[in-house]
Amino acid sequence: MKARLYCFILAVMAFSLAATNASADIMVYHPARDGWTHYGTAFIDDAIDDFNASGENGKILKFPAGTYVFSHQITPQTGSRVTSEDKTHLTAKSGTYANGGLDDKDCFYVLGNGVVIEKIALDRETATRSSVTGNGINVNGKSQVVMQDLSIEMQNIGIYTSDNGGDIIVEKCLVRYTKAQGIYLKGTTLNIKWCKVSNTLGNGIDLGIYKLDPSWEQSKVWVADCGIHQCNGNGIKLTGYNGGETMEGVNVDISHNIIEQTASHAVSADYCENVTVSDNTIRAAGTTVTGPADGSFTGTWTFGYQSGSGYGVDINQYCVKMIVANNIIRSNVSGGVHLGNYGAFSDGPWQISVVNNVISGGTNGVYMEDAMGFGELKCIKISGNQIFDATYGIRQDSGVNYALISDNVLSNSNNLALSGANNVVADNLQY
């Protein structure tokens, strides 16, 4: 009898604990008093105000399952967390902030470091693109911010940082239907994995990369295992922010992504060093991506090939020590890989390896272009690639020198169109 009573008491305790953790209310945890404040779902903005109140770090804002409209910006403080029972659907109220809405405000504006935002589906009441100028989440240059298991739609930019941050992690997120970039981050250590980004009227993923000081602390940028498609810009854009100085100490890894249907290049880099673009599937760069004609976010998007430029991988000025390897790059309007120095500066790219890729279609398989006539492209290795069905297999302008071109399999209208000096060309199979 005692054993049965003991088991019954344990079951009641377990039920009570589960009921505490799985509430129908919106809850705010206050670490200062180690307790939760409960709000009915009709009082969502009161709960947000409680969570936003300054003077106490480490709060938790927890939503029950369901769909809720909110009109107050969420501003996580240091060490805080925003989460839900079952991926709560939060809809930002329509109208300007002055009129009780959030169309002109970021839904989340991070005010502290060490913040976690997770298990939220975020969109807006306003369906018209022109009315929305606010972003989904503004990291605001903070560090150690984790965003995971999110769905973000109908924003100006889905996830954004307005300043240089560090240790920013974006994982398992869906970002789509944006007026500008899907994800736009600036920082020293950026990690984007297992995400899907689509239907953006700007770049899919736009990264501004900063060098740590001291540089030996090795900042790291990853974009891995993501699906990026239907972007009216570049699929992934990399820009180094050190005033044209060396980016030594920065390591960038773009790998195992599927990137397709981008209006410009699938991957594009400027002012970058130590970048590896590997094991990606890249297709249909140079595609027109047009938002719904009715001006909405989620109506019918249209796509089609255009006559403009679009390479699978574009490596531009001040790019040094880069590897493009083991990618499948096909059906891009301008071609597979472009190395060019057009822009305001004469330096780079140099010390570039393009190896072991399968490249097909477009104007150029690999094009080394001295667009500005500076003659600064040099020390380039193109080896072990299979290049076919392009107008030019491997093409080189006269200002590009010191290229090793070997062991490629080529089947194109013109396999080798080389005008540079001091090249080594050997053991290429042409048919």
Protein backbone atom coordinates (compact mmCIF):
# COMPACT_ATOMS: atom_id res chain seq x y z
CA MET A 1 0.00 0.00 0.00
CA LYS A 2 2.81 2.39 0.89
CA ALA A 3 4.56 1.60 -2.36
CA ARG A 4 1.40 2.43 -4.33
CA LEU A 5 0.95 5.68 -2.42
CA TYR A 6 4.58 6.60 -3.07
CA CYS A 7 4.18 5.96 -6.80
CA PHE A 8 0.98 8.03 -6.85
CA ILE A 9 2.75 10.96 -5.15
CA LEU A 10 5.60 10.79 -7.67
CA ALA A 11 3.12 10.78 -10.56
CA VAL A 12 1.32 13.83 -9.16
CA MET A 13 4.66 15.64 -8.75
CA ALA A 14 5.65 14.80 -12.34
CA PHE A 15 2.28 16.03 -13.63
CA SER A 16 2.62 19.26 -11.66
CA LEU A 17 6.12 19.85 -13.01
CA ALA A 18 4.94 19.23 -16.58
CA ALA A 19 2.03 21.61 -16.07
CA THR A 20 4.45 24.27 -14.82
CA ASN A 21 6.71 23.93 -17.86
CA ALA A 22 3.89 23.58 -20.43
CA SER A 23 1.60 26.52 -19.70
CA ALA A 24 -1.18 28.04 -21.80
CA ASP A 25 0.11 31.43 -20.70
CA ILE A 26 2.93 33.57 -21.99
CA MET A 27 5.59 33.43 -19.30
CA VAL A 28 8.53 35.63 -18.31
CA TYR A 29 11.22 34.14 -16.12
CA HIS A 30 12.97 36.50 -13.68
CA PRO A 31 16.31 35.08 -12.48
CA ALA A 32 16.56 37.68 -9.69
CA ARG A 33 13.67 36.02 -7.84
CA ASP A 34 13.87 32.64 -9.60
CA GLY A 35 10.25 32.73 -10.65
CA TRP A 36 7.87 33.04 -13.59
CA THR A 37 5.30 35.75 -14.27
CA HIS A 38 2.27 34.51 -16.23
CA TYR A 39 0.31 36.53 -18.78
CA GLY A 40 -2.80 35.55 -20.65
CA THR A 41 -2.25 35.46 -24.40
CA ALA A 42 -4.44 38.56 -24.80
CA PHE A 43 -1.74 40.45 -22.89
CA ILE A 44 1.17 39.53 -25.17
CA ASP A 45 2.51 43.09 -25.34
CA ASP A 46 2.50 43.35 -21.52
CA ALA A 47 4.59 40.19 -21.39
CA ILE A 48 6.97 41.64 -23.99
CA ASP A 49 7.29 44.88 -21.98
CA ASP A 50 8.11 42.87 -18.85
CA PHE A 51 10.76 40.91 -20.75
CA ASN A 52 12.20 44.10 -22.29
CA ALA A 53 12.50 45.99 -19.00
CA SER A 54 16.13 46.83 -18.26
CA GLY A 55 18.03 46.13 -15.07
CA GLU A 56 17.84 42.33 -15.07
CA ASN A 57 19.86 40.06 -17.36
CA GLY A 58 19.12 36.43 -18.13
CA LYS A 59 15.33 36.63 -18.54
CA ILE A 60 13.34 34.09 -20.55
CA LEU A 61 10.29 34.93 -22.68
CA LYS A 62 8.34 31.74 -23.38
CA PHE A 63 5.28 31.48 -25.62
CA PRO A 64 2.70 28.69 -25.66
CA ALA A 65 1.79 26.98 -28.91
CA GLY A 66 -0.48 29.02 -31.15
CA THR A 67 -0.59 32.16 -33.34
CA TYR A 68 -0.38 35.62 -31.76
CA VAL A 69 -0.29 39.19 -33.05
CA PHE A 70 2.12 41.53 -31.26
CA SER A 71 2.76 45.27 -31.59
CA HIS A 72 5.73 45.90 -29.27
CA GLN A 73 9.31 45.37 -30.45
CA ILE A 74 11.12 42.54 -28.61
CA THR A 75 14.51 43.69 -27.24
CA PRO A 76 16.48 40.84 -25.62
CA GLN A 77 18.98 41.89 -22.93
CA THR A 78 22.27 40.18 -22.09
CA GLY A 79 21.97 36.45 -21.43
CA SER A 80 18.26 36.26 -22.28
CA ARG A 81 16.27 33.72 -24.28
CA VAL A 82 13.12 33.84 -26.40
CA THR A 83 11.55 30.43 -26.94
CA SER A 84 8.24 28.58 -27.24
CA GLU A 85 6.49 25.30 -26.53
CA ASP A 86 5.98 24.32 -30.17
CA LYS A 87 7.34 26.90 -32.63
CA THR A 88 4.86 29.64 -31.81
CA HIS A 89 3.67 31.77 -34.75
CA LEU A 90 4.25 35.48 -34.02
CA THR A 91 2.74 38.04 -36.41
CA ALA A 92 3.86 41.67 -36.26
CA LYS A 93 0.90 44.02 -36.24
CA SER A 94 0.36 46.15 -39.34
CA GLY A 95 0.79 49.91 -39.34
CA THR A 96 3.62 52.25 -38.43
CA TYR A 97 5.06 52.29 -34.93
CA ALA A 98 3.48 55.69 -34.28
CA ASN A 99 0.11 54.13 -35.06
CA GLY A 100 0.54 51.00 -32.96
CA GLY A 101 2.15 48.72 -35.57
CA LEU A 102 5.60 47.43 -36.46
CA ASP A 103 5.86 47.95 -40.23
CA ASP A 104 8.74 50.41 -39.78
CA LYS A 105 10.41 48.59 -36.85
CA ASP A 106 12.57 45.49 -36.51
CA CYS A 107 10.51 42.77 -34.83
CA PHE A 108 13.51 41.79 -32.66
CA TYR A 109 16.25 44.27 -31.74
CA VAL A 110 19.00 42.59 -29.72
CA LEU A 111 20.41 44.80 -26.93
CA GLY A 112 22.78 42.38 -25.21
CA ASN A 113 25.32 39.62 -25.76
CA GLY A 114 24.73 35.93 -25.14
CA VAL A 115 21.16 35.91 -26.49
CA VAL A 116 19.23 32.87 -27.79
CA ILE A 117 16.18 33.19 -30.07
CA GLU A 118 14.62 29.85 -30.98
CA LYS A 119 11.49 27.96 -32.06
CA ILE A 120 9.59 30.96 -33.44
CA ALA A 121 7.75 31.45 -36.76
CA LEU A 122 7.81 35.17 -37.51
CA ASP A 123 5.88 37.14 -40.14
CA ARG A 124 3.79 40.29 -40.54
CA GLU A 125 0.15 41.23 -40.92
CA THR A 126 1.07 43.65 -43.69
CA ALA A 127 1.16 41.81 -46.99
CA THR A 128 2.35 44.75 -49.15
CA ARG A 129 6.12 44.95 -49.62
CA SER A 130 6.30 48.71 -50.00
CA SER A 131 4.80 49.26 -46.54
CA VAL A 132 7.43 47.23 -44.66
CA THR A 133 10.81 48.74 -43.79
CA GLY A 134 11.51 46.77 -40.61
CA ASN A 135 13.65 43.63 -40.40
CA GLY A 136 12.88 40.34 -38.75
CA ILE A 137 15.81 40.18 -36.29
CA ASN A 138 18.46 42.90 -35.91
CA VAL A 139 21.45 41.48 -34.05
CA ASN A 140 22.73 45.06 -33.62
CA GLY A 141 26.44 44.17 -33.62
CA LYS A 142 26.20 42.00 -30.50
CA SER A 143 28.21 38.83 -29.85
CA GLN A 144 27.37 35.26 -28.90
CA VAL A 145 23.90 35.42 -30.41
CA VAL A 146 22.27 32.11 -31.36
CA MET A 147 19.25 31.94 -33.69
CA GLN A 148 17.93 28.45 -34.29
CA ASP A 149 14.81 26.67 -35.51
CA LEU A 150 13.20 29.86 -36.83
CA SER A 151 10.91 30.60 -39.76
CA ILE A 152 11.13 34.24 -40.87
CA GLU A 153 9.00 35.66 -43.68
CA MET A 154 7.69 38.97 -45.06
CA GLN A 155 10.49 41.25 -43.83
CA ASN A 156 12.78 43.89 -45.28
CA ILE A 157 15.77 41.71 -44.29
CA GLY A 158 15.15 38.45 -42.49
CA ILE A 159 18.17 38.37 -40.13
CA TYR A 160 20.38 41.45 -40.00
CA THR A 161 23.15 43.06 -38.02
CA SER A 162 23.69 46.78 -38.31
CA ASP A 163 27.24 46.64 -36.94
CA ASN A 164 30.25 44.35 -36.48
CA GLY A 165 29.36 41.43 -34.22
CA GLY A 166 31.04 38.18 -33.29
CA ASP A 167 30.17 34.56 -32.61
CA ILE A 168 26.83 34.74 -34.40
CA ILE A 169 25.16 31.39 -35.07
CA VAL A 170 22.20 30.84 -37.39
CA GLU A 171 21.05 27.21 -37.61
CA LYS A 172 18.00 25.34 -38.90
CA CYS A 173 16.25 28.50 -40.08
CA LEU A 174 13.91 29.16 -42.99
CA VAL A 175 14.16 32.72 -44.35
CA ARG A 176 12.10 33.76 -47.37
CA TYR A 177 9.95 36.48 -48.97
CA THR A 178 12.18 39.48 -48.20
CA LYS A 179 12.46 42.92 -49.82
CA ALA A 180 16.26 42.84 -49.59
CA GLN A 181 18.71 40.22 -48.29
CA GLY A 182 17.56 37.05 -46.62
CA ILE A 183 20.43 37.01 -44.10
CA TYR A 184 22.83 39.97 -43.83
CA LEU A 185 25.48 39.69 -41.14
CA LYS A 186 28.69 41.57 -40.36
CA GLY A 187 31.19 40.13 -37.93
CA THR A 188 34.32 38.19 -37.12
CA THR A 189 32.93 34.71 -36.46
CA LEU A 190 29.76 33.82 -38.36
CA ASN A 191 28.20 30.38 -38.56
CA ILE A 192 25.25 29.64 -40.86
CA LYS A 193 24.26 25.98 -41.15
CA TRP A 194 21.28 23.87 -42.16
CA CYS A 195 19.26 26.87 -43.37
CA LYS A 196 17.02 27.48 -46.35
CA VAL A 197 16.96 30.97 -47.89
CA SER A 198 14.70 31.72 -50.86
CA ASN A 199 12.55 34.32 -52.61
CA THR A 200 14.69 37.33 -51.73
CA LEU A 201 14.82 40.59 -53.69
CA GLY A 202 18.47 41.02 -52.65
CA ASN A 203 21.35 38.64 -51.95
CA GLY A 204 20.36 35.39 -50.30
CA ILE A 205 23.17 35.45 -47.72
CA ASP A 206 25.31 38.61 -47.48
CA LEU A 207 28.33 38.51 -45.16
CA GLY A 208 30.59 41.39 -44.21
CA ILE A 209 33.71 39.82 -42.73
CA TYR A 210 35.93 41.59 -40.20
CA LYS A 211 39.39 40.58 -39.02
CA LEU A 212 39.96 39.96 -35.34
CA ASP A 213 42.59 42.07 -33.59
CA PRO A 214 45.05 40.55 -32.88
CA SER A 215 44.69 38.61 -36.11
CA TRP A 216 46.26 35.43 -34.70
CA GLU A 217 42.96 34.77 -32.90
CA GLN A 218 41.67 33.37 -36.21
CA SER A 219 38.12 34.42 -37.01
CA LYS A 220 36.04 31.82 -38.84
CA VAL A 221 33.08 32.06 -41.19
CA TRP A 222 30.99 29.06 -42.25
CA VAL A 223 28.08 28.68 -44.63
CA ALA A 224 27.36 24.97 -44.83
CA ASP A 225 24.57 22.55 -45.67
CA CYS A 226 22.18 25.31 -46.77
CA GLY A 227 19.69 25.57 -49.62
CA ILE A 228 19.75 28.98 -51.31
CA HIS A 229 17.59 29.68 -54.33
CA GLN A 230 15.47 32.23 -56.17
CA CYS A 231 17.44 35.31 -55.09
CA ASN A 232 17.40 38.56 -57.07
CA GLY A 233 21.09 39.14 -56.36
CA ASN A 234 23.95 36.85 -55.39
CA GLY A 235 23.29 33.58 -53.64
CA ILE A 236 26.18 34.15 -51.20
CA LYS A 237 28.10 37.45 -51.15
CA LEU A 238 31.38 37.76 -49.21
CA THR A 239 33.00 41.14 -48.53
CA GLY A 240 36.05 41.69 -46.35
CA TYR A 241 35.98 44.89 -44.29
CA ASN A 242 39.55 45.92 -43.59
CA GLY A 243 39.99 48.82 -45.97
CA GLY A 244 41.73 46.72 -48.59
CA GLU A 245 44.32 45.42 -46.11
CA THR A 246 45.20 41.77 -45.88
CA MET A 247 42.55 39.53 -44.32
CA GLU A 248 45.16 37.16 -42.91
CA GLY A 249 43.66 35.38 -39.94
CA VAL A 250 40.21 35.11 -41.50
CA ASN A 251 39.11 31.66 -42.68
CA VAL A 252 35.95 31.21 -44.75
CA ASP A 253 34.35 27.86 -45.60
CA ILE A 254 31.47 27.70 -48.09
CA SER A 255 30.62 24.01 -48.43
CA HIS A 256 27.91 21.44 -49.08
CA ASN A 257 25.31 23.99 -50.15
CA ILE A 258 22.80 23.87 -53.00
CA ILE A 259 22.64 27.29 -54.71
CA GLU A 260 20.42 27.88 -57.71
CA GLN A 261 18.38 30.50 -59.58
CA THR A 262 20.23 33.69 -58.64
CA ALA A 263 20.04 36.90 -60.66
CA SER A 264 23.76 37.54 -60.25
CA HIS A 265 26.50 35.10 -59.15
CA ALA A 266 25.84 32.06 -57.00
CA VAL A 267 28.95 32.86 -54.87
CA SER A 268 30.76 36.20 -55.12
CA ALA A 269 33.78 37.45 -53.14
CA ASP A 270 35.64 40.77 -52.75
CA TYR A 271 38.52 41.66 -50.39
CA CYS A 272 38.70 38.10 -49.05
CA GLU A 273 41.52 35.79 -48.05
CA ASN A 274 41.69 32.11 -47.11
CA VAL A 275 38.34 31.14 -48.66
CA THR A 276 37.34 27.59 -49.59
CA VAL A 277 34.32 27.02 -51.84
CA SER A 278 33.89 23.26 -51.98
CA ASP A 279 31.43 20.44 -52.48
CA ASN A 280 28.56 22.69 -53.51
CA THR A 281 25.95 22.17 -56.20
CA ILE A 282 25.53 25.42 -58.16
CA ARG A 283 23.04 25.96 -60.96
CA ALA A 284 21.26 28.66 -62.97
CA ALA A 285 23.09 31.81 -61.93
CA GLY A 286 21.92 34.62 -64.19
CA THR A 287 18.21 34.00 -63.65
CA THR A 288 15.68 36.80 -63.38
CA VAL A 289 13.89 36.66 -60.03
CA THR A 290 10.82 38.86 -59.87
CA GLY A 291 8.54 39.39 -56.89
CA PRO A 292 4.75 39.21 -57.20
CA ALA A 293 3.34 41.81 -59.58
CA ASP A 294 0.68 42.80 -57.05
CA GLY A 295 3.39 44.09 -54.67
CA SER A 296 2.79 41.38 -52.09
CA PHE A 297 5.38 39.18 -50.41
CA THR A 298 3.92 35.75 -51.02
CA GLY A 299 2.06 35.94 -54.35
CA THR A 300 3.38 34.39 -57.55
CA TRP A 301 7.14 34.87 -58.04
CA THR A 302 8.46 34.55 -61.60
CA PHE A 303 11.79 33.27 -62.94
CA GLY A 304 13.59 33.04 -66.24
CA TYR A 305 17.04 33.23 -67.84
CA GLN A 306 18.40 36.70 -68.57
CA SER A 307 21.11 37.94 -70.92
CA GLY A 308 23.14 39.55 -68.13
CA SER A 309 25.99 38.11 -66.09
CA GLY A 310 25.84 35.26 -63.66
CA TYR A 311 28.76 32.96 -62.79
CA GLY A 312 28.72 29.99 -60.49
CA VAL A 313 31.68 31.44 -58.54
CA ASP A 314 32.93 35.02 -58.99
CA ILE A 315 36.28 35.97 -57.39
CA ASN A 316 37.06 39.65 -57.63
CA GLN A 317 39.51 42.32 -56.38
CA TYR A 318 41.78 41.82 -53.37
CA CYS A 319 41.00 38.10 -53.18
CA VAL A 320 43.98 35.97 -52.18
CA LYS A 321 44.55 32.31 -51.27
CA MET A 322 41.24 30.86 -52.39
CA ILE A 323 40.27 27.32 -53.36
CA VAL A 324 37.30 26.37 -55.55
CA ALA A 325 37.15 22.58 -55.43
CA ASN A 326 34.88 19.58 -55.92
CA ASN A 327 31.82 21.57 -56.94
CA ILE A 328 29.19 20.75 -59.54
CA ILE A 329 28.66 24.01 -61.43
CA ARG A 330 26.25 23.90 -64.36
CA SER A 331 23.87 25.89 -66.53
CA ASN A 332 24.99 29.33 -65.39
CA VAL A 333 24.49 32.11 -67.94
CA SER A 334 28.04 33.50 -67.91
CA GLY A 335 29.73 30.26 -66.95
CA GLY A 336 31.41 28.38 -64.13
CA VAL A 337 34.23 30.29 -62.41
CA HIS A 338 35.26 33.89 -62.99
CA LEU A 339 38.52 35.46 -61.76
CA GLY A 340 38.53 39.19 -62.43
CA ASN A 341 39.89 42.47 -61.11
CA TYR A 342 37.29 44.91 -62.36
CA GLY A 343 36.67 47.65 -59.82
CA ALA A 344 38.55 50.55 -58.30
CA PHE A 345 41.64 48.59 -57.23
CA SER A 346 44.33 46.82 -59.20
CA ASP A 347 45.27 44.10 -56.74
CA GLY A 348 44.21 40.49 -57.11
CA PRO A 349 42.91 38.01 -57.39
CA TRP A 350 45.98 35.80 -57.06
CA GLN A 351 47.04 32.51 -55.52
CA ILE A 352 43.75 30.94 -56.60
CA SER A 353 43.17 27.20 -57.18
CA VAL A 354 40.27 25.91 -59.26
CA VAL A 355 40.50 22.14 -58.98
CA ASN A 356 38.43 19.01 -59.45
CA ASN A 357 35.15 20.71 -60.40
CA VAL A 358 32.55 19.56 -62.91
CA ILE A 359 31.57 22.64 -64.95
CA SER A 360 29.12 22.76 -67.82
CA GLY A 361 27.27 25.32 -69.92
CA GLY A 362 27.46 29.10 -70.19
CA THR A 363 29.95 31.29 -72.01
CA ASN A 364 33.11 30.45 -70.04
CA GLY A 365 34.04 27.37 -68.08
CA VAL A 366 36.81 29.25 -66.25
CA TYR A 367 37.59 32.85 -67.20
CA MET A 368 40.67 34.78 -66.00
CA GLU A 369 39.70 38.33 -66.91
CA ASP A 370 41.95 41.40 -66.73
CA ALA A 371 38.99 43.73 -67.07
CA MET A 372 40.79 46.89 -65.91
CA GLY A 373 44.05 46.23 -67.77
CA PHE A 374 46.09 46.28 -64.53
CA GLY A 375 47.79 42.96 -65.20
CA GLU A 376 47.68 41.89 -61.56
CA LEU A 377 46.07 38.46 -61.87
CA LYS A 378 48.71 35.80 -61.32
CA CYS A 379 49.67 32.53 -59.62
CA ILE A 380 46.52 30.66 -60.62
CA LYS A 381 46.10 26.89 -60.75
CA ILE A 382 43.39 25.28 -62.87
CA SER A 383 43.66 21.53 -62.65
CA GLY A 384 41.67 18.32 -62.65
CA ASN A 385 38.41 19.90 -63.81
CA GLN A 386 35.88 18.50 -66.25
CA ILE A 387 34.61 21.38 -68.38
CA PHE A 388 32.15 20.87 -71.20
CA ASP A 389 29.38 22.48 -73.26
CA ALA A 390 30.71 26.04 -72.78
CA THR A 391 31.70 28.48 -75.51
CA TYR A 392 35.20 28.72 -73.99
CA GLY A 393 36.56 25.97 -71.76
CA ILE A 394 39.40 27.91 -70.13
CA ARG A 395 39.84 31.53 -71.16
CA GLN A 396 42.61 33.94 -70.22
CA ASP A 397 43.17 37.64 -70.97
CA SER A 398 46.61 38.94 -71.90
CA GLY A 399 47.15 40.64 -68.54
CA VAL A 400 46.86 37.37 -66.61
CA ASN A 401 50.18 35.63 -66.09
CA TYR A 402 51.74 32.63 -64.37
CA ALA A 403 48.89 30.14 -64.61
CA LEU A 404 49.25 26.38 -64.26
CA ILE A 405 46.62 24.68 -66.44
CA SER A 406 46.86 20.92 -66.32
CA ASP A 407 45.02 17.62 -66.24
CA ASN A 408 41.65 19.04 -67.26
CA VAL A 409 39.10 17.25 -69.43
CA LEU A 410 37.72 19.71 -71.97
CA SER A 411 34.89 19.43 -74.49
CA ASN A 412 33.79 22.90 -75.56
CA SER A 413 33.48 25.04 -78.68
CA ASN A 414 36.93 26.49 -77.88
CA ASN A 415 38.74 24.51 -75.22
CA LEU A 416 41.76 26.75 -74.52
CA ALA A 417 41.79 30.48 -75.30
CA LEU A 418 44.94 31.61 -73.50
CA SER A 419 46.54 35.02 -74.04
CA GLY A 420 48.66 35.41 -70.89
CA ALA A 421 52.38 34.94 -70.42
CA ASN A 422 54.51 32.46 -68.46
CA ASN A 423 51.84 29.77 -68.32
CA VAL A 424 52.42 26.04 -67.88
CA VAL A 425 49.87 24.09 -69.91
CA ALA A 426 50.15 20.30 -69.73
CA ASP A 427 48.25 17.01 -69.96
CA ASN A 428 44.82 18.40 -70.77
CA LEU A 429 42.47 16.01 -72.57
CA GLN A 430 40.58 17.81 -75.30
CA TYR A 431 37.86 16.38 -77.48
